[in-house]
Amino acid sequence: MLARTAGITAFTLSAAAVGAQGNSPYSRFGLGDIAPNTHIVNRGMGGVSIADANQPQDVRYSDRLRVNFSNPASYSSFFGFGQARNPKKLASGRVLLDVGTYLENKTLREPSRADKFTSSDLNISYLQIGIPLRKGWGLAIGLRPLTRVSYMVEDRRRIFNPPAQGGNNIDSVYTEYSGDGGSFLPTIGTGFAIGDLSIGANIGYLFGSREASTVRYFENDTVVYYHGLQRTNSNFGKVYFDFGAQYTIQLNKARGQFLRLGATGNLKQNLNATQRVTIGTFTLDPNTALTDTVYKSSNDRGTIVYPASYSFGVLFGGDLIKPGPEAVEKRNQRWGFWQIGADLVMNKWSQYRYFGASDAVADNMIVRVGGQIRPNLTQAYLSRITYRAGFHAGKDYISAGGNMPLWGVSAGLGVPFGNFSNLTRNQITTVNLAFEYNNRGNNQNPLKENNFRLSLGLNLSDFWFVKRRYD
């Protein structure tokens, strides 16, 4: 079996074979490339999300109405009106529907080469539903991808005898590495508030599949060789859970200023897995019947260790109120707002195991910083748009070819849409956009990767559970 990292410095990327599909050789490590794992609102803020939540007292800011699945404690802030006789029970609640997608354009370069490879692909990012149950208690149901495996890499080289055997030229050899698959996470989660403290948890089923193939050809005009194939298919899945907490400190109630602390994480979890391995030779097409099967196994049972992850965040924000003695009295005129925050994300990828084997992955840490501002809700339309910006920096979890620096910058918009019908006056619709540039590796790494990502999210909300009254 070829070493997992030995040939990466000699990889030549095959654009023709992949077409418009995403192609990242680094996705062959671990469970694959990690999919964008924050809400599109937060992506525009550099990924800041751990201390972010809806503001029930400021429901007029429609872009705050969203499902922040990065921290289930935020579900406690889903908006609802309490009953007159029992404020804890809801007379009505605002149900949320969040859908996100993204278009990614990726560029790969070897530092020693002038040419490059580019690919683009469109992916679904998440589907989330948020439902308020009681005052300070919410429920969220969702589905999102966690990782993606997609690569096609070629390696062409000459083979020579060892110096002790003369070192003469043997032949040309062509090796093709390919992989496909990914993992997904459907979840149901809840969060509830106890005073200024909110806690929450998600439970779901983490499942996925992975196929990795290595095909080797001897390129010779006079001698016919059989070609070699090694293919591994695996499927995995098990119940998954994560947890979170948030604590809000009111700094200046008159100006709506607050400081919120957040923490979230998941423990190391063992996923049940099955594996099929085929090693053999073929003549023309590796997808047809093999000429000779050297080794074959099916339904080998094992375990994939999914690593622990912990994140901590802080968010500071408030209202934008015009200065003057009448400012406090006019807060009901819907001024704008601002927020700024930071996250620290730590992933324990050194815990990862695939059927007992380690991989070229390592612990990493990422810092995220960002913010957003809406100038005013009552003036010109451009002042009603929310503007976001942020950045992140740290170390990538892939250790093949040495430690890889990781950094990126982002900007975003929250564009509200009004309702012009009395039949839909309770509905709020917001389109969120995020523009991201991410860089992976530098000239000291065998392969540099950067991408431009455009994310589009649609947020819909409406009042449900409204009891009809008749005069």
Protein backbone atom coordinates (compact mmCIF):
# COMPACT_ATOMS: atom_id res chain seq x y z
CA MET A 1 0.00 0.00 0.00
CA LEU A 2 1.27 3.44 -0.92
CA ALA A 3 2.10 5.75 1.96
CA ARG A 4 -0.60 8.36 2.57
CA THR A 5 1.68 11.35 2.40
CA ALA A 6 4.75 10.26 0.44
CA GLY A 7 3.58 11.28 -3.00
CA ILE A 8 1.87 14.56 -2.25
CA THR A 9 4.82 16.72 -3.31
CA ALA A 10 4.77 15.19 -6.79
CA PHE A 11 1.00 15.43 -7.37
CA THR A 12 -0.14 16.88 -10.67
CA LEU A 13 -3.82 17.81 -10.52
CA SER A 14 -6.04 16.45 -13.26
CA ALA A 15 -8.58 19.06 -14.28
CA ALA A 16 -10.00 17.05 -17.17
CA ALA A 17 -10.89 14.09 -15.00
CA VAL A 18 -12.74 16.11 -12.43
CA GLY A 19 -14.60 18.62 -14.56
CA ALA A 20 -16.66 21.00 -12.47
CA GLN A 21 -16.44 18.97 -9.27
CA GLY A 22 -14.54 20.16 -6.25
CA ASN A 23 -11.04 18.75 -6.02
CA SER A 24 -8.97 19.00 -2.87
CA PRO A 25 -6.17 16.47 -2.31
CA TYR A 26 -6.28 17.37 1.38
CA SER A 27 -9.79 15.90 1.59
CA ARG A 28 -8.22 12.41 1.53
CA PHE A 29 -7.20 12.88 5.20
CA GLY A 30 -9.46 12.44 8.21
CA LEU A 31 -13.14 12.43 7.27
CA GLY A 32 -12.53 14.91 4.46
CA ASP A 33 -12.65 18.68 4.11
CA ILE A 34 -14.74 20.30 6.83
CA ALA A 35 -17.84 21.99 5.42
CA PRO A 36 -18.62 25.59 6.44
CA ASN A 37 -19.98 25.06 9.95
CA THR A 38 -21.62 28.38 10.87
CA HIS A 39 -24.76 30.23 9.85
CA ILE A 40 -24.34 32.52 6.83
CA VAL A 41 -24.93 35.56 9.05
CA ASN A 42 -21.93 34.51 11.13
CA ARG A 43 -19.78 33.70 8.09
CA GLY A 44 -19.99 37.36 7.12
CA MET A 45 -18.57 38.15 10.58
CA GLY A 46 -15.49 35.95 10.21
CA GLY A 47 -17.35 32.99 11.69
CA VAL A 48 -18.06 34.59 15.09
CA SER A 49 -21.03 32.59 16.42
CA ILE A 50 -20.47 31.01 19.86
CA ALA A 51 -21.92 33.91 21.88
CA ASP A 52 -24.45 34.98 19.23
CA ALA A 53 -28.21 34.69 19.85
CA ASN A 54 -31.51 36.26 18.89
CA GLN A 55 -32.54 39.33 20.86
CA PRO A 56 -36.14 38.72 21.93
CA GLN A 57 -36.59 42.28 23.18
CA ASP A 58 -35.42 43.60 19.79
CA VAL A 59 -37.44 41.44 17.42
CA ARG A 60 -37.74 44.38 15.02
CA TYR A 61 -34.24 43.51 13.82
CA SER A 62 -35.29 40.77 11.44
CA ASP A 63 -31.78 39.49 10.73
CA ARG A 64 -31.46 38.51 14.38
CA LEU A 65 -34.20 35.94 13.81
CA ARG A 66 -32.24 32.86 12.85
CA VAL A 67 -31.20 29.41 14.03
CA ASN A 68 -27.62 29.61 15.34
CA PHE A 69 -26.81 25.89 15.32
CA SER A 70 -23.21 26.59 16.40
CA ASN A 71 -24.47 26.92 19.98
CA PRO A 72 -27.73 25.18 20.96
CA ALA A 73 -28.06 27.46 24.01
CA SER A 74 -29.15 30.18 21.56
CA TYR A 75 -32.41 28.28 20.91
CA SER A 76 -33.70 29.69 24.21
CA SER A 77 -33.98 33.12 22.59
CA PHE A 78 -36.53 32.16 19.92
CA PHE A 79 -39.17 34.88 20.04
CA GLY A 80 -42.68 34.44 21.44
CA PHE A 81 -45.43 36.45 23.15
CA GLY A 82 -46.43 35.25 26.59
CA GLN A 83 -50.05 34.80 27.61
CA ALA A 84 -51.62 37.50 29.75
CA ARG A 85 -52.55 35.09 32.54
CA ASN A 86 -49.38 32.99 32.35
CA PRO A 87 -46.43 34.84 30.75
CA LYS A 88 -44.33 31.66 30.61
CA LYS A 89 -46.80 30.06 28.20
CA LEU A 90 -46.91 31.42 24.66
CA ALA A 91 -49.87 33.14 23.14
CA SER A 92 -47.99 33.06 19.83
CA GLY A 93 -44.46 32.37 18.64
CA ARG A 94 -42.29 33.24 15.68
CA VAL A 95 -41.30 30.05 13.82
CA LEU A 96 -38.10 30.23 11.77
CA LEU A 97 -37.07 28.52 8.55
CA ASP A 98 -33.39 28.82 7.59
CA VAL A 99 -31.96 27.55 4.31
CA GLY A 100 -28.37 28.09 3.18
CA THR A 101 -26.25 27.26 0.16
CA TYR A 102 -22.82 28.24 -1.11
CA LEU A 103 -20.83 28.44 -4.34
CA GLU A 104 -17.12 27.78 -3.95
CA ASN A 105 -14.31 28.48 -6.39
CA LYS A 106 -11.09 26.74 -5.38
CA THR A 107 -7.53 27.23 -6.67
CA LEU A 108 -4.64 24.82 -6.03
CA ARG A 109 -0.97 25.55 -6.63
CA GLU A 110 2.38 23.89 -6.04
CA PRO A 111 4.91 26.53 -4.92
CA SER A 112 7.50 25.30 -7.43
CA ARG A 113 5.14 25.36 -10.42
CA ALA A 114 3.60 28.20 -12.39
CA ASP A 115 0.44 26.38 -13.44
CA LYS A 116 -2.62 26.01 -11.24
CA PHE A 117 -5.87 24.09 -11.03
CA THR A 118 -9.29 25.65 -10.41
CA SER A 119 -12.69 24.11 -9.78
CA SER A 120 -16.12 25.35 -8.78
CA ASP A 121 -19.05 23.60 -7.17
CA LEU A 122 -22.39 24.40 -5.57
CA ASN A 123 -23.42 22.83 -2.26
CA ILE A 124 -26.30 22.90 0.20
CA SER A 125 -25.12 24.32 3.52
CA TYR A 126 -27.97 23.71 5.98
CA LEU A 127 -31.70 23.41 6.49
CA GLN A 128 -32.92 24.50 9.94
CA ILE A 129 -36.30 25.02 11.62
CA GLY A 130 -36.63 26.92 14.91
CA ILE A 131 -39.75 26.70 17.10
CA PRO A 132 -40.36 28.57 20.40
CA LEU A 133 -41.99 26.27 22.96
CA ARG A 134 -42.31 28.53 25.99
CA LYS A 135 -40.84 31.80 27.11
CA GLY A 136 -37.08 31.14 27.20
CA TRP A 137 -37.36 27.64 25.72
CA GLY A 138 -36.90 26.70 22.07
CA LEU A 139 -36.59 23.68 19.79
CA ALA A 140 -34.53 23.37 16.59
CA ILE A 141 -34.55 20.67 13.90
CA GLY A 142 -31.92 20.63 11.18
CA LEU A 143 -29.77 18.85 8.64
CA ARG A 144 -26.31 19.87 7.43
CA PRO A 145 -23.17 18.34 5.90
CA LEU A 146 -20.09 18.03 8.14
CA THR A 147 -17.33 16.91 5.78
CA ARG A 148 -16.76 16.21 2.12
CA VAL A 149 -14.33 13.91 0.32
CA SER A 150 -13.65 14.80 -3.32
CA TYR A 151 -10.29 14.49 -5.05
CA MET A 152 -8.64 13.17 -8.19
CA VAL A 153 -4.85 13.34 -8.29
CA GLU A 154 -2.31 12.05 -10.82
CA ASP A 155 1.34 11.15 -10.23
CA ARG A 156 3.66 10.39 -13.16
CA ARG A 157 7.27 9.37 -12.62
CA ARG A 158 10.11 7.08 -13.75
CA ILE A 159 11.12 4.03 -11.71
CA PHE A 160 14.81 3.12 -11.32
CA ASN A 161 16.60 0.15 -9.85
CA PRO A 162 18.37 0.74 -6.52
CA PRO A 163 22.02 1.88 -6.86
CA ALA A 164 23.18 -1.52 -5.60
CA GLN A 165 21.49 -3.07 -8.65
CA GLY A 166 22.94 -0.64 -11.15
CA GLY A 167 20.39 2.17 -10.82
CA ASN A 168 19.20 1.64 -14.40
CA ASN A 169 15.88 2.93 -15.70
CA ILE A 170 12.99 0.43 -15.42
CA ASP A 171 9.86 2.09 -16.76
CA SER A 172 7.34 4.92 -16.50
CA VAL A 173 4.55 4.54 -13.98
CA TYR A 174 1.28 6.43 -13.65
CA THR A 175 -0.68 6.44 -10.38
CA GLU A 176 -4.15 7.84 -9.92
CA TYR A 177 -5.56 8.62 -6.46
CA SER A 178 -9.28 9.33 -6.16
CA GLY A 179 -11.84 9.64 -3.39
CA ASP A 180 -15.47 10.45 -2.88
CA GLY A 181 -17.92 10.66 0.01
CA GLY A 182 -18.69 12.77 3.05
CA SER A 183 -20.60 12.90 6.32
CA PHE A 184 -23.93 14.44 7.35
CA LEU A 185 -25.64 15.36 10.60
CA PRO A 186 -29.41 15.56 11.12
CA THR A 187 -30.15 16.94 14.60
CA ILE A 188 -32.85 17.93 17.00
CA GLY A 189 -31.88 20.32 19.76
CA THR A 190 -33.28 22.38 22.58
CA GLY A 191 -32.16 25.33 24.65
CA PHE A 192 -33.71 26.99 27.68
CA ALA A 193 -32.95 30.01 29.81
CA ILE A 194 -32.60 30.26 33.57
CA GLY A 195 -32.42 33.97 34.20
CA ASP A 196 -29.43 35.32 32.26
CA LEU A 197 -27.98 31.82 31.76
CA SER A 198 -28.96 29.69 28.78
CA ILE A 199 -27.98 26.07 28.21
CA GLY A 200 -28.73 23.72 25.35
CA ALA A 201 -27.84 20.52 23.54
CA ASN A 202 -28.18 18.91 20.11
CA ILE A 203 -28.63 15.21 19.53
CA GLY A 204 -28.43 13.66 16.11
CA TYR A 205 -27.10 10.83 13.99
CA LEU A 206 -23.71 11.40 12.38
CA PHE A 207 -23.43 9.20 9.29
CA GLY A 208 -21.49 9.02 6.06
CA SER A 209 -19.47 7.03 3.59
CA ARG A 210 -16.06 7.14 2.00
CA GLU A 211 -14.42 5.54 -1.04
CA ALA A 212 -10.68 5.75 -1.67
CA SER A 213 -9.03 4.19 -4.73
CA THR A 214 -5.45 3.89 -5.91
CA VAL A 215 -4.86 2.73 -9.49
CA ARG A 216 -1.37 2.16 -10.91
CA TYR A 217 -0.45 1.73 -14.60
CA PHE A 218 2.91 0.86 -16.15
CA GLU A 219 3.29 2.90 -19.33
CA ASN A 220 5.20 0.73 -21.77
CA ASP A 221 4.92 0.50 -25.57
CA THR A 222 6.34 -3.00 -25.95
CA VAL A 223 5.51 -4.96 -22.80
CA VAL A 224 1.94 -5.50 -21.63
CA TYR A 225 1.53 -5.21 -17.87
CA TYR A 226 -1.49 -5.84 -15.72
CA HIS A 227 -2.58 -2.71 -13.85
CA GLY A 228 -2.98 -2.59 -10.08
CA LEU A 229 -6.00 -1.50 -8.05
CA GLN A 230 -6.62 -0.94 -4.35
CA ARG A 231 -10.06 0.26 -3.31
CA THR A 232 -11.49 0.82 0.17
CA ASN A 233 -15.16 1.55 0.85
CA SER A 234 -16.43 2.41 4.30
CA ASN A 235 -19.74 3.38 5.88
CA PHE A 236 -20.16 4.76 9.37
CA GLY A 237 -22.72 6.23 11.73
CA LYS A 238 -23.78 6.63 15.34
CA VAL A 239 -25.73 8.89 17.68
CA TYR A 240 -23.97 12.22 18.13
CA PHE A 241 -24.45 15.04 20.64
CA ASP A 242 -23.02 18.45 21.42
CA PHE A 243 -23.78 21.03 24.10
CA GLY A 244 -23.52 24.75 24.76
CA ALA A 245 -24.07 27.57 27.22
CA GLN A 246 -24.42 31.35 27.08
CA TYR A 247 -24.48 34.00 29.80
CA THR A 248 -25.73 37.52 29.12
CA ILE A 249 -24.73 40.58 31.12
CA GLN A 250 -26.84 43.72 30.64
CA LEU A 251 -24.43 46.67 30.64
CA ASN A 252 -26.71 49.60 29.78
CA LYS A 253 -30.39 48.82 29.39
CA ALA A 254 -31.27 52.28 28.11
CA ARG A 255 -28.87 51.87 25.19
CA GLY A 256 -29.47 48.15 24.79
CA GLN A 257 -25.84 47.34 25.53
CA PHE A 258 -24.93 43.82 26.58
CA LEU A 259 -21.97 41.47 26.95
CA ARG A 260 -22.54 37.78 26.25
CA LEU A 261 -20.19 34.89 26.95
CA GLY A 262 -20.58 31.55 25.21
CA ALA A 263 -19.09 28.07 25.22
CA THR A 264 -19.87 24.96 23.22
CA GLY A 265 -18.30 21.61 22.41
CA ASN A 266 -18.60 17.90 21.81
CA LEU A 267 -16.78 15.00 23.41
CA LYS A 268 -14.77 12.36 21.55
CA GLN A 269 -17.22 9.90 20.04
CA ASN A 270 -16.79 6.42 18.53
CA LEU A 271 -18.65 5.82 15.29
CA ASN A 272 -19.61 2.29 14.25
CA ALA A 273 -18.14 1.51 10.84
CA THR A 274 -17.91 -1.24 8.22
CA GLN A 275 -15.22 -1.52 5.58
CA ARG A 276 -14.71 -3.34 2.28
CA VAL A 277 -11.24 -3.70 0.77
CA THR A 278 -10.39 -4.95 -2.71
CA ILE A 279 -6.85 -5.43 -4.09
CA GLY A 280 -6.30 -6.86 -7.54
CA THR A 281 -5.22 -6.41 -11.15
CA PHE A 282 -7.07 -5.48 -14.33
CA THR A 283 -6.36 -4.94 -18.01
CA LEU A 284 -8.33 -1.93 -19.27
CA ASP A 285 -10.96 -0.54 -16.88
CA PRO A 286 -10.70 -0.75 -13.07
CA ASN A 287 -14.51 -0.60 -12.83
CA THR A 288 -14.98 -3.88 -14.72
CA ALA A 289 -14.28 -7.40 -13.47
CA LEU A 290 -10.75 -7.76 -12.14
CA THR A 291 -8.31 -10.05 -13.92
CA ASP A 292 -7.03 -11.33 -10.60
CA THR A 293 -8.24 -10.57 -7.07
CA VAL A 294 -5.28 -10.60 -4.73
CA TYR A 295 -7.25 -9.76 -1.59
CA LYS A 296 -10.89 -9.06 -0.83
CA SER A 297 -12.82 -8.47 2.38
CA SER A 298 -16.37 -7.36 3.04
CA ASN A 299 -18.22 -5.95 6.04
CA ASP A 300 -15.17 -5.73 8.26
CA ARG A 301 -16.42 -4.07 11.43
CA GLY A 302 -14.46 -1.38 13.22
CA THR A 303 -14.58 2.07 14.78
CA ILE A 304 -13.93 5.58 13.55
CA VAL A 305 -13.05 7.99 16.37
CA TYR A 306 -14.59 11.42 15.85
CA PRO A 307 -12.53 13.97 17.83
CA ALA A 308 -13.58 16.34 20.59
CA SER A 309 -13.99 20.05 19.88
CA TYR A 310 -14.37 23.04 22.22
CA SER A 311 -15.17 26.67 21.45
CA PHE A 312 -15.41 29.84 23.53
CA GLY A 313 -16.80 33.19 22.50
CA VAL A 314 -17.61 36.72 23.59
CA LEU A 315 -20.01 39.21 21.97
CA PHE A 316 -20.51 42.87 22.81
CA GLY A 317 -23.31 44.96 21.29
CA GLY A 318 -25.97 47.61 21.65
CA ASP A 319 -28.36 50.00 19.94
CA LEU A 320 -27.37 52.91 17.75
CA ILE A 321 -29.26 55.82 19.32
CA LYS A 322 -28.98 59.40 18.15
CA PRO A 323 -27.38 61.62 20.81
CA GLY A 324 -29.51 64.09 22.71
CA PRO A 325 -31.84 64.26 25.72
CA GLU A 326 -34.68 62.61 23.79
CA ALA A 327 -32.59 59.54 22.84
CA VAL A 328 -33.87 57.20 25.55
CA GLU A 329 -37.50 58.19 24.95
CA LYS A 330 -37.21 57.49 21.22
CA ARG A 331 -35.81 53.99 21.44
CA ASN A 332 -39.16 52.74 20.17
CA GLN A 333 -38.48 54.47 16.86
CA ARG A 334 -36.27 51.56 15.91
CA TRP A 335 -32.73 52.84 15.65
CA GLY A 336 -30.00 50.58 14.35
CA PHE A 337 -27.66 48.28 16.27
CA TRP A 338 -24.04 47.11 16.35
CA GLN A 339 -22.18 43.99 17.53
CA ILE A 340 -18.55 42.91 17.74
CA GLY A 341 -17.16 39.62 19.02
CA ALA A 342 -14.47 36.97 18.99
CA ASP A 343 -14.30 33.15 19.14
CA LEU A 344 -11.59 30.66 20.02
CA VAL A 345 -12.07 27.20 18.43
CA MET A 346 -9.99 24.17 19.47
CA ASN A 347 -10.22 20.80 17.69
CA LYS A 348 -8.56 17.63 19.03
CA TRP A 349 -7.90 15.90 15.71
CA SER A 350 -5.00 13.95 17.19
CA GLN A 351 -7.73 11.73 18.69
CA TYR A 352 -8.95 10.71 15.23
CA ARG A 353 -8.62 7.03 14.35
CA TYR A 354 -9.78 5.09 11.31
CA PHE A 355 -10.14 1.40 12.15
CA GLY A 356 -7.41 1.86 14.74
CA ALA A 357 -5.04 3.73 12.39
CA SER A 358 -3.99 7.35 12.87
CA ASP A 359 -3.85 9.83 10.01
CA ALA A 360 -1.98 12.97 8.93
CA VAL A 361 -4.15 15.19 11.15
CA ALA A 362 -3.30 17.13 14.30
CA ASP A 363 -4.84 19.36 16.97
CA ASN A 364 -5.51 22.88 15.76
CA MET A 365 -6.71 26.23 17.02
CA ILE A 366 -8.53 29.03 15.18
CA VAL A 367 -9.32 32.60 16.29
CA ARG A 368 -12.29 34.41 14.76
CA VAL A 369 -13.03 38.14 15.05
CA GLY A 370 -15.88 40.08 13.47
CA GLY A 371 -18.90 42.30 13.84
CA GLN A 372 -21.99 43.76 12.21
CA ILE A 373 -23.85 47.07 12.13
CA ARG A 374 -27.20 48.30 10.93
CA PRO A 375 -27.29 52.12 10.63
CA ASN A 376 -31.02 52.75 11.03
CA LEU A 377 -34.35 51.02 10.53
CA THR A 378 -36.47 54.06 9.68
CA GLN A 379 -34.37 55.93 7.10
CA ALA A 380 -33.36 55.11 3.51
CA TYR A 381 -33.36 51.47 2.41
CA LEU A 382 -29.55 51.21 2.37
CA SER A 383 -29.50 52.16 6.06
CA ARG A 384 -31.80 49.21 6.82
CA ILE A 385 -29.29 46.71 5.44
CA THR A 386 -27.00 45.04 7.96
CA TYR A 387 -23.28 45.21 7.09
CA ARG A 388 -20.83 42.60 8.38
CA ALA A 389 -17.09 41.96 8.26
CA GLY A 390 -14.53 39.76 9.99
CA PHE A 391 -11.50 37.50 9.72
CA HIS A 392 -10.11 34.26 11.11
CA ALA A 393 -6.59 32.86 11.50
CA GLY A 394 -4.98 29.76 12.92
CA LYS A 395 -3.53 26.40 11.98
CA ASP A 396 -5.13 23.81 9.71
CA TYR A 397 -5.90 20.36 11.11
CA ILE A 398 -4.14 18.62 8.19
CA SER A 399 -0.48 17.90 9.00
CA ALA A 400 0.55 16.30 5.67
CA GLY A 401 3.58 18.21 4.43
CA GLY A 402 4.04 20.09 7.72
CA ASN A 403 1.98 22.58 9.66
CA MET A 404 -0.25 24.67 7.43
CA PRO A 405 -1.29 28.22 8.33
CA LEU A 406 -4.94 29.01 7.80
CA TRP A 407 -6.51 32.45 7.43
CA GLY A 408 -9.42 34.17 5.78
CA VAL A 409 -11.40 37.41 5.52
CA SER A 410 -15.12 37.89 4.99
CA ALA A 411 -17.87 40.43 4.48
CA GLY A 412 -21.63 40.07 4.48
CA LEU A 413 -25.01 41.70 4.05
CA GLY A 414 -28.42 41.17 5.63
CA VAL A 415 -31.05 42.44 3.19
CA PRO A 416 -34.63 42.72 4.56
CA PHE A 417 -37.68 42.34 2.34
CA GLY A 418 -40.93 44.03 3.20
CA ASN A 419 -44.38 42.48 2.99
CA PHE A 420 -46.94 44.34 0.95
CA SER A 421 -50.00 42.25 1.72
CA ASN A 422 -52.18 42.36 4.80
CA LEU A 423 -52.37 38.58 4.60
CA THR A 424 -48.62 38.34 5.24
CA ARG A 425 -48.05 41.28 7.57
CA ASN A 426 -46.58 39.03 10.27
CA GLN A 427 -44.02 37.46 7.95
CA ILE A 428 -40.39 38.59 7.95
CA THR A 429 -38.05 37.64 5.13
CA THR A 430 -34.31 38.31 5.06
CA VAL A 431 -31.70 37.35 2.47
CA ASN A 432 -28.21 36.97 3.95
CA LEU A 433 -25.08 37.07 1.83
CA ALA A 434 -21.50 36.25 2.83
CA PHE A 435 -18.35 36.73 0.76
CA GLU A 436 -15.29 34.84 1.98
CA TYR A 437 -11.70 34.46 0.87
CA ASN A 438 -9.84 31.59 2.57
CA ASN A 439 -6.17 30.63 2.29
CA ARG A 440 -4.64 27.29 3.26
CA GLY A 441 -0.88 26.74 3.36
CA ASN A 442 2.08 28.79 2.13
CA ASN A 443 5.28 28.35 0.08
CA GLN A 444 6.72 26.04 2.73
CA ASN A 445 3.89 23.55 2.18
CA PRO A 446 3.82 21.17 -0.80
CA LEU A 447 0.44 22.44 -1.94
CA LYS A 448 -1.34 25.77 -1.42
CA GLU A 449 -5.09 26.05 -1.56
CA ASN A 450 -7.27 29.13 -1.58
CA ASN A 451 -10.91 29.61 -2.33
CA PHE A 452 -13.52 32.27 -2.79
CA ARG A 453 -16.89 31.33 -1.32
CA LEU A 454 -20.22 33.03 -1.94
CA SER A 455 -22.90 31.97 0.55
CA LEU A 456 -26.60 32.72 0.17
CA GLY A 457 -29.12 32.21 2.97
CA LEU A 458 -32.87 32.66 3.04
CA ASN A 459 -34.50 33.32 6.42
CA LEU A 460 -38.28 33.12 6.71
CA SER A 461 -40.33 33.64 9.85
CA ASP A 462 -43.99 33.95 10.72
CA PHE A 463 -46.17 33.96 13.82
CA TRP A 464 -47.72 30.58 14.58
CA PHE A 465 -49.93 29.28 17.37
CA VAL A 466 -51.99 32.50 17.30
CA LYS A 467 -55.36 31.90 18.91
CA ARG A 468 -58.27 33.40 16.98
CA ARG A 469 -60.62 35.71 18.82
CA TYR A 470 -64.17 36.64 17.84
CA ASP A 471 -66.05 39.75 18.96
